[in-house]
C-alpha atoms as a PDB file:
ATOM      1  CA  MET A   1      11.321  -2.556  19.795  1.00  0.00           C
ATOM      2  CA  SER A   2      10.096  -3.626  16.351  1.00  0.00           C
ATOM      3  CA  LEU A   3      11.317  -2.975  12.832  1.00  0.00           C
ATOM      4  CA  GLY A   4       9.657  -0.346  10.663  1.00  0.00           C
ATOM      5  CA  PHE A   5      10.182   2.326   8.019  1.00  0.00           C
ATOM      6  CA  LYS A   6       8.664   5.531   6.648  1.00  0.00           C
ATOM      7  CA  ILE A   7       8.628   6.854   3.083  1.00  0.00           C
ATOM      8  CA  SER A   8       7.091   9.972   1.587  1.00  0.00           C
ATOM      9  CA  GLY A   9       6.561  11.664  -1.742  1.00  0.00           C
ATOM     10  CA  ARG A  10       4.854  14.622  -3.378  1.00  0.00           C
ATOM     11  CA  VAL A  11       1.974  14.091  -5.788  1.00  0.00           C
ATOM     12  CA  ALA A  12       1.013  17.086  -7.924  1.00  0.00           C
ATOM     13  CA  LYS A  13      -2.721  16.721  -7.307  1.00  0.00           C
ATOM     14  CA  PRO A  14      -5.057  18.064  -4.595  1.00  0.00           C
ATOM     15  CA  VAL A  15      -5.343  16.040  -1.407  1.00  0.00           C
ATOM     16  CA  ASP A  16      -8.935  14.935  -2.069  1.00  0.00           C
ATOM     17  CA  GLU A  17      -7.930  13.365  -5.422  1.00  0.00           C
ATOM     18  CA  VAL A  18      -4.906  11.620  -3.911  1.00  0.00           C
ATOM     19  CA  PHE A  19      -6.867  10.320  -0.934  1.00  0.00           C
ATOM     20  CA  ASP A  20      -9.630   9.040  -3.231  1.00  0.00           C
ATOM     21  CA  ALA A  21      -7.065   7.211  -5.381  1.00  0.00           C
ATOM     22  CA  VAL A  22      -6.140   5.166  -2.300  1.00  0.00           C
ATOM     23  CA  VAL A  23      -9.569   4.495  -0.746  1.00  0.00           C
ATOM     24  CA  ASN A  24     -11.455   3.946  -4.028  1.00  0.00           C
ATOM     25  CA  PRO A  25     -11.015   0.279  -5.065  1.00  0.00           C
ATOM     26  CA  LYS A  26     -11.421   0.979  -8.784  1.00  0.00           C
ATOM     27  CA  LYS A  27      -8.665   3.587  -8.741  1.00  0.00           C
ATOM     28  CA  LEU A  28      -6.380   1.575  -6.429  1.00  0.00           C
ATOM     29  CA  SER A  29      -6.750  -1.391  -8.788  1.00  0.00           C
ATOM     30  CA  GLY A  30      -5.696   0.865 -11.670  1.00  0.00           C
ATOM     31  CA  TYR A  31      -2.139   1.325 -10.406  1.00  0.00           C
ATOM     32  CA  PHE A  32      -1.420  -0.835  -7.332  1.00  0.00           C
ATOM     33  CA  THR A  33      -3.595  -3.909  -6.789  1.00  0.00           C
ATOM     34  CA  ALA A  34      -4.061  -4.446 -10.532  1.00  0.00           C
ATOM     35  CA  ILE A  35      -3.887  -8.270 -10.498  1.00  0.00           C
ATOM     36  CA  GLY A  36      -6.768  -9.403  -8.278  1.00  0.00           C
ATOM     37  CA  GLY A  37      -7.870  -5.853  -7.518  1.00  0.00           C
ATOM     38  CA  ALA A  38      -9.203  -4.330  -4.322  1.00  0.00           C
ATOM     39  CA  SER A  39     -12.478  -5.805  -3.085  1.00  0.00           C
ATOM     40  CA  ALA A  40     -14.045  -2.706  -1.512  1.00  0.00           C
ATOM     41  CA  PRO A  41     -13.381   0.880  -0.447  1.00  0.00           C
ATOM     42  CA  LEU A  42     -11.264   1.510   2.624  1.00  0.00           C
ATOM     43  CA  VAL A  43     -13.892   2.112   5.295  1.00  0.00           C
ATOM     44  CA  GLU A  44     -13.007   2.211   8.980  1.00  0.00           C
ATOM     45  CA  GLY A  45     -13.813  -1.040  10.797  1.00  0.00           C
ATOM     46  CA  THR A  46     -13.907  -3.227   7.671  1.00  0.00           C
ATOM     47  CA  THR A  47     -11.622  -5.796   6.105  1.00  0.00           C
ATOM     48  CA  VAL A  48     -10.934  -5.585   2.377  1.00  0.00           C
ATOM     49  CA  VAL A  49      -9.037  -7.974   0.129  1.00  0.00           C
ATOM     50  CA  TRP A  50      -6.181  -6.841  -2.100  1.00  0.00           C
ATOM     51  CA  TRP A  51      -4.724  -8.873  -4.994  1.00  0.00           C
ATOM     52  CA  GLY A  52      -7.506 -11.437  -4.624  1.00  0.00           C
ATOM     53  CA  ASP A  53      -6.122 -13.055  -1.460  1.00  0.00           C
ATOM     54  CA  VAL A  54      -4.563 -10.547   0.983  1.00  0.00           C
ATOM     55  CA  PRO A  55      -6.896  -9.428   3.800  1.00  0.00           C
ATOM     56  CA  VAL A  56      -6.346  -5.827   4.884  1.00  0.00           C
ATOM     57  CA  GLN A  57      -7.947  -4.610   8.125  1.00  0.00           C
ATOM     58  CA  VAL A  58      -8.986  -0.962   8.018  1.00  0.00           C
ATOM     59  CA  ASP A  59      -8.536   0.482  11.514  1.00  0.00           C
ATOM     60  CA  GLU A  60      -8.901   4.213  10.916  1.00  0.00           C
ATOM     61  CA  VAL A  61      -9.928   6.508   8.087  1.00  0.00           C
ATOM     62  CA  THR A  62      -9.904  10.287   8.465  1.00  0.00           C
ATOM     63  CA  GLU A  63     -10.937  11.755   5.118  1.00  0.00           C
ATOM     64  CA  ASN A  64      -8.133  13.508   3.252  1.00  0.00           C
ATOM     65  CA  GLU A  65      -5.766  13.094   6.237  1.00  0.00           C
ATOM     66  CA  ARG A  66      -5.002   9.578   7.420  1.00  0.00           C
ATOM     67  CA  ILE A  67      -5.541   5.845   6.874  1.00  0.00           C
ATOM     68  CA  VAL A  68      -4.417   3.141   9.303  1.00  0.00           C
ATOM     69  CA  LEU A  69      -4.331  -0.481   8.148  1.00  0.00           C
ATOM     70  CA  ARG A  70      -3.141  -3.819   9.527  1.00  0.00           C
ATOM     71  CA  TRP A  71      -2.235  -6.973   7.671  1.00  0.00           C
ATOM     72  CA  ASP A  72      -0.388 -10.200   8.172  1.00  0.00           C
ATOM     73  CA  ALA A  73       3.376 -10.338   8.339  1.00  0.00           C
ATOM     74  CA  LEU A  74       4.435 -13.578   6.714  1.00  0.00           C
ATOM     75  CA  THR A  75       6.725 -16.046   8.456  1.00  0.00           C
ATOM     76  CA  ALA A  76       9.705 -17.800   6.841  1.00  0.00           C
ATOM     77  CA  ASP A  77       7.360 -20.490   5.478  1.00  0.00           C
ATOM     78  CA  GLY A  78       5.023 -17.887   3.934  1.00  0.00           C
ATOM     79  CA  LYS A  79       2.220 -18.260   6.491  1.00  0.00           C
ATOM     80  CA  PRO A  80       0.616 -15.383   8.438  1.00  0.00           C
ATOM     81  CA  GLY A  81       2.450 -14.918  11.734  1.00  0.00           C
ATOM     82  CA  TYR A  82       1.383 -11.582  13.252  1.00  0.00           C
ATOM     83  CA  LYS A  83       0.105  -8.177  12.118  1.00  0.00           C
ATOM     84  CA  THR A  84       2.046  -5.133  10.987  1.00  0.00           C
ATOM     85  CA  ARG A  85       0.608  -1.616  11.024  1.00  0.00           C
ATOM     86  CA  ILE A  86       0.512   0.722   8.029  1.00  0.00           C
ATOM     87  CA  GLU A  87      -0.183   4.409   8.518  1.00  0.00           C
ATOM     88  CA  MET A  88      -0.738   6.656   5.514  1.00  0.00           C
ATOM     89  CA  GLY A  89      -0.751  10.418   5.899  1.00  0.00           C
ATOM     90  CA  PHE A  90      -2.004  12.973   3.377  1.00  0.00           C
ATOM     91  CA  ALA A  91      -0.998  16.637   3.755  1.00  0.00           C
ATOM     92  CA  ALA A  92      -2.207  19.403   1.443  1.00  0.00           C
ATOM     93  CA  LEU A  93       0.659  21.594   0.227  1.00  0.00           C
ATOM     94  CA  ASP A  94       0.539  25.292  -0.654  1.00  0.00           C
ATOM     95  CA  ASP A  95       0.874  24.565  -4.380  1.00  0.00           C
ATOM     96  CA  SER A  96      -2.298  22.377  -4.463  1.00  0.00           C
ATOM     97  CA  ALA A  97      -0.161  19.225  -4.365  1.00  0.00           C
ATOM     98  CA  THR A  98      -0.164  16.537  -1.664  1.00  0.00           C
ATOM     99  CA  MET A  99       2.600  15.090   0.485  1.00  0.00           C
ATOM    100  CA  VAL A 100       1.909  11.401   1.070  1.00  0.00           C
ATOM    101  CA  THR A 101       3.666   9.542   3.879  1.00  0.00           C
ATOM    102  CA  ILE A 102       3.510   5.776   4.371  1.00  0.00           C
ATOM    103  CA  ALA A 103       4.932   4.113   7.474  1.00  0.00           C
ATOM    104  CA  GLU A 104       4.814   0.406   8.266  1.00  0.00           C
ATOM    105  CA  SER A 105       5.916  -1.036  11.589  1.00  0.00           C
ATOM    106  CA  GLY A 106       5.612  -4.075  13.783  1.00  0.00           C
ATOM    107  CA  TRP A 107       7.969  -6.682  12.322  1.00  0.00           C
ATOM    108  CA  ARG A 108       9.794  -8.883  14.755  1.00  0.00           C
ATOM    109  CA  GLU A 109      13.470  -8.193  15.194  1.00  0.00           C
ATOM    110  CA  ASP A 110      14.767 -11.304  13.515  1.00  0.00           C
ATOM    111  CA  GLU A 111      16.206 -12.210  10.113  1.00  0.00           C
ATOM    112  CA  VAL A 112      12.795 -12.917   8.583  1.00  0.00           C
ATOM    113  CA  GLY A 113      11.286  -9.695   9.966  1.00  0.00           C
ATOM    114  CA  LEU A 114      14.194  -7.673   8.637  1.00  0.00           C
ATOM    115  CA  LYS A 115      13.927  -9.241   5.166  1.00  0.00           C
ATOM    116  CA  LYS A 116      10.134  -8.798   4.992  1.00  0.00           C
ATOM    117  CA  SER A 117      10.336  -5.177   6.165  1.00  0.00           C
ATOM    118  CA  TYR A 118      12.829  -4.359   3.403  1.00  0.00           C
ATOM    119  CA  LEU A 119      10.609  -6.040   0.805  1.00  0.00           C
ATOM    120  CA  ASN A 120       7.574  -4.099   1.972  1.00  0.00           C
ATOM    121  CA  CYS A 121       9.554  -0.844   1.981  1.00  0.00           C
ATOM    122  CA  GLU A 122      10.332  -1.599  -1.660  1.00  0.00           C
ATOM    123  CA  GLY A 123       6.667  -2.342  -2.340  1.00  0.00           C
ATOM    124  CA  TRP A 124       5.336   0.815  -0.693  1.00  0.00           C
ATOM    125  CA  THR A 125       7.925   2.869  -2.582  1.00  0.00           C
ATOM    126  CA  GLN A 126       6.652   1.305  -5.798  1.00  0.00           C
ATOM    127  CA  MET A 127       3.103   2.094  -4.706  1.00  0.00           C
ATOM    128  CA  MET A 128       4.045   5.739  -4.109  1.00  0.00           C
ATOM    129  CA  CYS A 129       5.725   6.035  -7.528  1.00  0.00           C
ATOM    130  CA  SER A 130       2.784   4.269  -9.176  1.00  0.00           C
ATOM    131  CA  LEU A 131       0.271   6.543  -7.418  1.00  0.00           C
ATOM    132  CA  LYS A 132       2.140   9.598  -8.704  1.00  0.00           C
ATOM    133  CA  ALA A 133       2.374   8.252 -12.276  1.00  0.00           C
ATOM    134  CA  TYR A 134      -1.296   7.197 -12.272  1.00  0.00           C
ATOM    135  CA  LEU A 135      -2.647  10.525 -11.032  1.00  0.00           C
ATOM    136  CA  GLU A 136      -0.262  12.870 -12.834  1.00  0.00           C
ATOM    137  CA  TYR A 137       0.124  11.001 -16.152  1.00  0.00           C
ATOM    138  CA  GLY A 138      -2.623   8.358 -16.281  1.00  0.00           C
ATOM    139  CA  ILE A 139      -0.266   5.373 -16.522  1.00  0.00           C
ATOM    140  CA  ASN A 140       0.119   2.139 -14.541  1.00  0.00           C
ATOM    141  CA  LEU A 141       3.830   1.595 -13.746  1.00  0.00           C
ATOM    142  CA  ARG A 142       3.260  -1.788 -12.075  1.00  0.00           C
ATOM    143  CA  GLU A 143       1.584  -3.479 -15.035  1.00  0.00           C
ATOM    144  CA  GLY A 144       3.818  -6.411 -15.959  1.00  0.00           C
ATOM    145  CA  TYR A 145       6.381  -5.409 -13.322  1.00  0.00           C
ATOM    146  CA  TYR A 146       6.619  -8.806 -11.639  1.00  0.00           C
ATOM    147  CA  ARG A 147       7.464 -11.982 -13.524  1.00  0.00           C
ATOM    148  CA  SER A 148       4.460 -13.742 -11.960  1.00  0.00           C
ATOM    149  CA  GLU A 149       2.149 -10.986 -13.220  1.00  0.00           C
ATOM    150  CA  LEU A 150       3.212 -11.728 -16.758  1.00  0.00           C
ATOM    151  CA  LYS A 151       1.630 -15.135 -16.220  1.00  0.00           C
ATOM    152  CA  GLY A 152      -1.529 -13.509 -14.793  1.00  0.00           C
ATOM    153  CA  GLU A 153      -0.733 -14.299 -11.150  1.00  0.00           C
ATOM    154  CA  PRO A 154      -0.164 -11.785  -8.328  1.00  0.00           C
ATOM    155  CA  ALA A 155       3.367 -11.382  -7.002  1.00  0.00           C
ATOM    156  CA  ARG A 156       3.880 -13.461  -3.873  1.00  0.00           C
ATOM    157  CA  GLU A 157       7.487 -12.514  -3.132  1.00  0.00           C
ATOM    158  CA  HIS A 158       6.199 -10.184  -0.394  1.00  0.00           C
ATOM    159  CA  ASN A 159       2.987  -8.638   0.868  1.00  0.00           C
ATOM    160  CA  ILE A 160       2.995  -5.775  -1.572  1.00  0.00           C
END
């Protein structure tokens, strides 16, 4: 068994707009990967770079429904150790809004895996809140959020 989590939230925009805000690098960089950006759109079978130095493997993309990614889980010394799996789901709701679900799994069941999984759960929750604020109100909640970002550097406390 491996460690993992799942979060979800409602965004008051149609599913095609919400999905595009995740796969489109310009939009993703506007609320999530602001420092360093996103290097390319999320296209199945490719690897993109987030924050200028984090490779993200794109395993599956089903338009307006699902995205599956993999990236490195960092070891205690901050080096890549193994991959975790991120699955994003997008469900259209009756009121023209979208339910977004993000699940990440695959951490080793040890102290480091537990700590990193909690940090990434925090990061994906921030991403979900930032996505909602960006699409519904046009603001970037993460701008200046991390101390390192105030110095113009991406946050390195965790993957997200």
